[in-house]
Structures are given as C-alpha cells and as structure tokens.
Protein backbone atom coordinates (compact mmCIF):
# COMPACT_ATOMS: atom_id res chain seq x y z
CA MET A 1 -3.44 73.10 25.66
CA ASP A 2 -2.93 71.56 22.49
CA ASP A 3 -2.31 73.91 19.38
CA LEU A 4 -4.19 72.19 16.68
CA ARG A 5 -4.21 75.09 13.97
CA VAL A 6 -7.34 73.70 12.93
CA GLN A 7 -7.89 77.32 11.58
CA SER A 8 -4.52 77.45 9.61
CA PRO A 9 -3.28 74.10 9.11
CA PHE A 10 0.44 73.77 8.27
CA PRO A 11 1.02 72.35 4.41
CA GLU A 12 1.66 68.28 5.53
CA LEU A 13 -1.53 68.59 7.92
CA LEU A 14 -3.93 70.23 5.61
CA SER A 15 -2.17 67.65 3.19
CA TYR A 16 -3.43 64.50 4.94
CA ALA A 17 -6.94 65.75 5.84
CA GLU A 18 -7.63 66.10 2.64
CA SER A 19 -6.45 62.70 1.61
CA ILE A 20 -9.45 61.73 3.37
CA PRO A 21 -12.42 61.44 1.30
CA LEU A 22 -14.73 62.47 3.87
CA GLU A 23 -18.35 62.66 2.45
CA GLN A 24 -17.65 59.82 0.46
CA LEU A 25 -16.95 57.04 2.85
CA SER A 26 -19.67 55.30 4.39
CA TYR A 27 -20.59 55.26 7.84
CA HIS A 28 -18.58 52.33 9.82
CA GLU A 29 -15.42 54.88 8.08
CA GLN A 30 -16.51 58.16 8.86
CA ARG A 31 -17.43 57.42 12.14
CA HIS A 32 -14.09 57.08 12.59
CA VAL A 33 -12.29 60.47 11.24
CA PRO A 34 -10.84 62.54 13.51
CA TYR A 35 -12.30 65.41 14.37
CA VAL A 36 -9.81 68.14 14.20
CA ILE A 37 -9.83 66.38 10.34
CA ILE A 38 -13.55 67.13 9.73
CA LEU A 39 -12.89 70.92 11.11
CA ILE A 40 -10.11 71.42 8.83
CA LEU A 41 -12.29 70.07 5.37
CA LEU A 42 -16.05 71.59 6.19
CA LEU A 43 -13.43 75.03 7.09
CA LYS A 44 -12.19 74.81 3.49
CA LYS A 45 -15.42 73.53 2.20
CA TRP A 46 -16.85 76.50 3.88
CA ARG A 47 -14.70 79.10 3.21
CA GLN A 48 -15.35 78.53 -0.65
CA LYS A 49 -18.63 79.82 -0.02
CA HIS A 50 -17.79 83.01 2.47
CA GLU A 51 -15.15 84.71 0.48
CA GLY A 52 -11.95 82.62 1.85
CA LYS A 53 -13.70 83.75 5.69
CA SER A 54 -14.26 81.56 9.22
CA PRO A 55 -17.13 81.39 11.01
CA SER A 56 -16.54 84.28 12.38
CA ASN A 57 -19.76 84.86 14.79
CA ALA A 58 -22.36 83.23 17.40
CA THR A 59 -24.66 82.97 14.42
CA GLU A 60 -21.87 81.98 11.71
CA LYS A 61 -20.67 79.04 13.91
CA ARG A 62 -24.39 77.58 14.79
CA GLN A 63 -24.27 77.27 10.54
CA PHE A 64 -21.43 75.88 10.76
CA GLN A 65 -22.12 73.43 13.22
CA GLU A 66 -25.43 72.94 10.87
CA LEU A 67 -23.21 71.69 8.35
CA ILE A 68 -20.87 69.40 10.75
CA LYS A 69 -24.29 67.89 11.27
CA GLU A 70 -25.18 68.13 7.71
CA THR A 71 -21.80 66.46 6.53
CA ALA A 72 -22.46 63.18 9.07
CA ALA A 73 -23.88 60.21 7.53
CA GLN A 74 -26.08 58.62 10.53
CA TRP A 75 -25.38 61.94 13.26
CA GLU A 76 -27.18 60.42 16.39
CA TYR A 77 -24.43 57.74 16.11
CA GLU A 78 -21.12 59.74 14.79
CA ASP A 79 -19.74 60.80 18.19
CA ASN A 80 -16.26 62.26 16.16
CA PHE A 81 -18.89 64.37 14.21
CA LYS A 82 -20.35 65.86 17.45
CA GLU A 83 -16.60 66.01 19.12
CA ALA A 84 -16.14 68.45 15.81
CA GLN A 85 -19.38 70.59 16.37
CA LYS A 86 -18.63 71.08 20.19
CA ALA A 87 -15.29 72.29 19.41
CA VAL A 88 -16.49 75.32 17.27
CA PHE A 89 -17.74 77.13 20.39
CA SER A 90 -14.08 76.17 22.48
CA TRP A 91 -11.08 77.38 22.08
CA GLN A 92 -9.21 75.20 19.07
CA PHE A 93 -11.72 76.73 16.78
CA GLN A 94 -9.76 80.36 17.38
CA PRO A 95 -7.90 81.84 15.07
CA TYR A 96 -3.99 81.33 15.56
CA SER A 97 -2.79 84.00 18.06
CA ILE A 98 0.79 84.36 19.53
CA PRO A 99 -0.55 84.78 23.35
CA SER A 100 -0.07 88.72 24.34
CA SER A 101 2.80 87.38 27.75
CA VAL A 102 4.71 85.39 25.06
CA GLN A 103 4.94 88.47 22.13
CA ALA A 104 5.86 90.74 24.87
CA THR A 105 9.00 88.22 25.91
CA LEU A 106 10.52 88.14 22.34
CA SER A 107 10.13 91.98 22.54
CA ASP A 108 12.00 92.24 25.60
CA GLN A 109 15.54 94.94 25.08
CA ASN A 110 17.13 91.17 26.00
CA CYS A 111 17.00 89.54 23.22
CA GLU A 112 19.33 91.94 21.83
CA LEU A 113 22.49 89.15 22.59
CA THR A 114 25.41 90.33 24.91
CA ALA A 115 28.57 88.59 25.50
CA ASN A 116 26.88 87.85 29.22
CA SER A 117 23.24 86.50 27.99
CA SER A 118 22.20 83.70 29.57
CA THR A 119 21.18 80.52 28.42
CA PHE A 120 16.99 81.70 28.71
CA TRP A 121 17.60 84.87 26.62
CA VAL A 122 20.02 83.06 24.39
CA LEU A 123 16.86 80.92 23.42
CA THR A 124 14.59 83.51 23.71
CA ARG A 125 16.55 84.97 20.58
CA ALA A 126 16.52 82.61 18.76
CA LEU A 127 12.60 81.66 19.07
CA ARG A 128 11.71 85.49 17.73
CA ASP A 129 13.99 84.92 15.39
CA PHE A 130 12.11 80.89 14.41
CA VAL A 131 9.01 83.52 14.40
CA LYS A 132 10.15 85.75 12.41
CA ASN A 133 11.92 82.87 9.34
CA GLU A 134 10.86 79.73 9.64
CA GLY A 135 8.46 79.48 11.58
CA GLY A 136 5.70 82.36 9.74
CA GLY A 137 4.42 83.77 12.44
CA TYR A 138 3.96 80.77 14.61
CA LEU A 139 5.45 79.37 17.53
CA PRO A 140 7.17 76.05 17.24
CA LEU A 141 4.59 73.23 17.21
CA PRO A 142 4.27 71.05 20.43
CA GLY A 143 2.84 68.39 18.54
CA THR A 144 1.35 66.63 20.99
CA ILE A 145 -2.94 66.17 20.70
CA PRO A 146 -6.20 65.01 22.69
CA ASP A 147 -7.87 61.92 22.57
CA MET A 148 -10.08 62.36 19.87
CA THR A 149 -13.40 59.36 18.30
CA SER A 150 -10.94 57.14 16.06
CA ASP A 151 -9.17 53.94 15.31
CA THR A 152 -6.35 53.02 15.80
CA LYS A 153 -4.79 53.63 12.94
CA GLY A 154 -6.62 56.81 12.01
CA PHE A 155 -4.75 58.42 15.36
CA VAL A 156 -1.59 57.72 15.28
CA ALA A 157 -1.62 58.49 11.83
CA LEU A 158 -2.33 61.73 12.44
CA GLN A 159 -0.27 62.32 15.95
CA LYS A 160 2.25 61.60 13.80
CA VAL A 161 1.35 64.40 11.38
CA TYR A 162 1.65 66.76 14.41
CA GLN A 163 4.88 64.90 15.87
CA ASP A 164 7.04 65.03 12.93
CA LYS A 165 5.98 69.00 11.88
CA ALA A 166 6.63 69.32 15.87
CA ASN A 167 10.38 67.63 15.21
CA GLN A 168 10.98 69.80 12.21
CA ASP A 169 10.41 73.09 14.27
CA TYR A 170 12.26 71.80 16.83
CA LEU A 171 15.43 70.91 14.69
CA HIS A 172 15.09 74.61 12.90
CA LEU A 173 15.01 76.07 16.41
CA LEU A 174 17.71 73.78 17.37
CA GLN A 175 20.20 75.45 14.33
CA ARG A 176 19.08 78.71 15.29
CA VAL A 177 20.23 77.83 19.08
CA GLN A 178 23.71 77.23 17.88
CA SER A 179 24.35 79.91 15.13
CA LEU A 180 23.58 82.11 18.01
CA LEU A 181 26.33 80.76 20.57
CA LYS A 182 28.68 80.54 17.74
CA GLU A 183 27.98 84.25 16.96
CA LEU A 184 28.83 84.81 21.03
CA GLY A 185 32.48 82.56 20.96
CA ARG A 186 30.37 79.97 22.85
CA SER A 187 30.22 76.14 22.38
CA PRO A 188 27.22 75.34 20.16
CA THR A 189 26.59 72.47 22.96
CA SER A 190 26.65 74.66 25.83
CA ILE A 191 22.90 74.41 25.35
CA SER A 192 21.77 70.89 25.19
CA GLU A 193 19.14 69.68 22.88
CA GLU A 194 16.96 68.31 25.81
CA GLU A 195 16.19 72.07 26.51
CA VAL A 196 16.21 73.86 23.31
CA LYS A 197 13.69 70.61 22.66
CA ASN A 198 11.68 71.22 26.26
CA PHE A 199 12.41 75.15 25.68
CA ALA A 200 10.34 74.79 22.12
CA LYS A 201 7.95 72.52 23.08
CA PHE A 202 6.10 74.27 26.24
CA SER A 203 6.96 77.93 24.07
CA ARG A 204 3.53 79.09 24.29
CA TYR A 205 3.57 79.42 28.07
CA LEU A 206 6.74 81.41 27.84
CA GLN A 207 6.94 84.80 29.88
CA VAL A 208 8.88 87.07 32.15
CA PHE A 209 8.36 88.11 35.88
CA ARG A 210 10.22 90.84 37.43
CA TYR A 211 10.53 91.64 40.77
CA PRO A 212 12.23 94.25 43.14
CA SER A 213 15.22 93.65 44.02
CA ARG A 214 16.61 93.56 48.15
CA SER A 215 17.60 96.57 47.83
CA GLN A 216 14.67 98.50 46.43
CA GLU A 217 12.99 96.51 48.99
CA LEU A 218 14.85 97.68 51.54
CA SER A 219 14.79 101.72 50.58
CA PRO A 220 12.00 101.87 49.11
CA GLY A 221 11.97 105.26 46.69
CA LYS A 222 12.70 105.77 43.43
CA PRO A 223 13.10 102.24 41.43
CA GLU A 224 16.46 100.90 40.13
CA LEU A 225 16.44 101.07 36.66
C-alpha cells in the first residue's frame, strides 16, 4: 500500500505539482501527467470553491470525478485521467490517518525506555517522537509509488520527489534513534542504519501481539500482569 499523500501533499510534492500547468498543456503533454499530480491539482481547485474542504461523500466524489473528466483535453484517449477518476473512490483518496494498531503501539508503556529496553522499543519510541515533531503527525514516508500512466521523465521526476522525502524522514528518525541510544548509555551505532531505514519504511504496519507465557498456559487462572 503506497502512501501518496494526495489529500495532504508535503511541501516538495505540492511545489512539484504546481510547477505543472495542467490545464494549459496540449493533449499530447497532458496525457503523460501522472494521475497523482492530476488529483493534487484538481483537489486544490475544488477546495478553493468549497471552503477548503475535500470531497467527502459519494455525491461530492462523483462531482469531483466529473471535474477530472472535464479537465482532460481528450478524455477518451487519456488513461491517466481515467486512473485519477478511478482513484477517487479508492483508499488512495482517503484523508491521511495513522492506523489504530500503530497508534496503540506508539502509546504502549514500553515506549518509556529503561536500560533494558529492546531495540524494537527504542525504534518505536524514536518513531513516536518523530511523529510528534518532524513528522507533524505523519509517519515516515515509504517513498514508493505505484505504476501509473506517464512518460519516463515524468514518472522518474515524481518518484524522486517521494524518495527524497522518504530519505529526509529516515534521517530524522535515525538522529532520534541515536540520541536515545546515547541517553541509555549505548553506542549510537548499536542499531544499524539499515534497521532504522526498514523500520521507517514499514512503520505503517507496526503492531504488537502479546501471547500468554508458558507458565500461564500451564496454570490457567489469574493472568500475569
């Protein structure tokens, strides 16, 4: 599941999108614009006429789909606009939110670190601090984008925007991990950069499962706390 931030583009993504004069392009130019850019630009246009609000119900989303169709120079031949229209009723168009399983993990008492805290909880605490600070309420961006109709130049340029932001988020998280390790009296390199990078990339799937201990299984009754 790619995190595209269509509803809430980060500054670099919004700046890149706004550099493309979508409605002034010729048909041949317009047909290569990635659908993500189409959605970001037309959402901005929609919000200007709807008190800053995005399409939220089925009626508004169908109206937004019509706006997408009207913007296409030659609708029947522009697959990228059809991809944008299809995305309106998909998860890609939903407002950003951190999954409840991730929120629960970030609120876990084990995020209050001790000298015995495991690597997992050091990473999780760093992630919690990142979300509250540099992330501005967002998890680190994975930096991947799906295949979409575009020319090579446009796709690579868009991919670089996402990858640069993902790397920026990773570096912020790495700094937080290393600071926490120093506070715990550990080497700042005791958690590798690769571990931090993977943790950042897959943080959206973070979840803790707790199972009964062997003693609890053998002695049913009052659970251990």
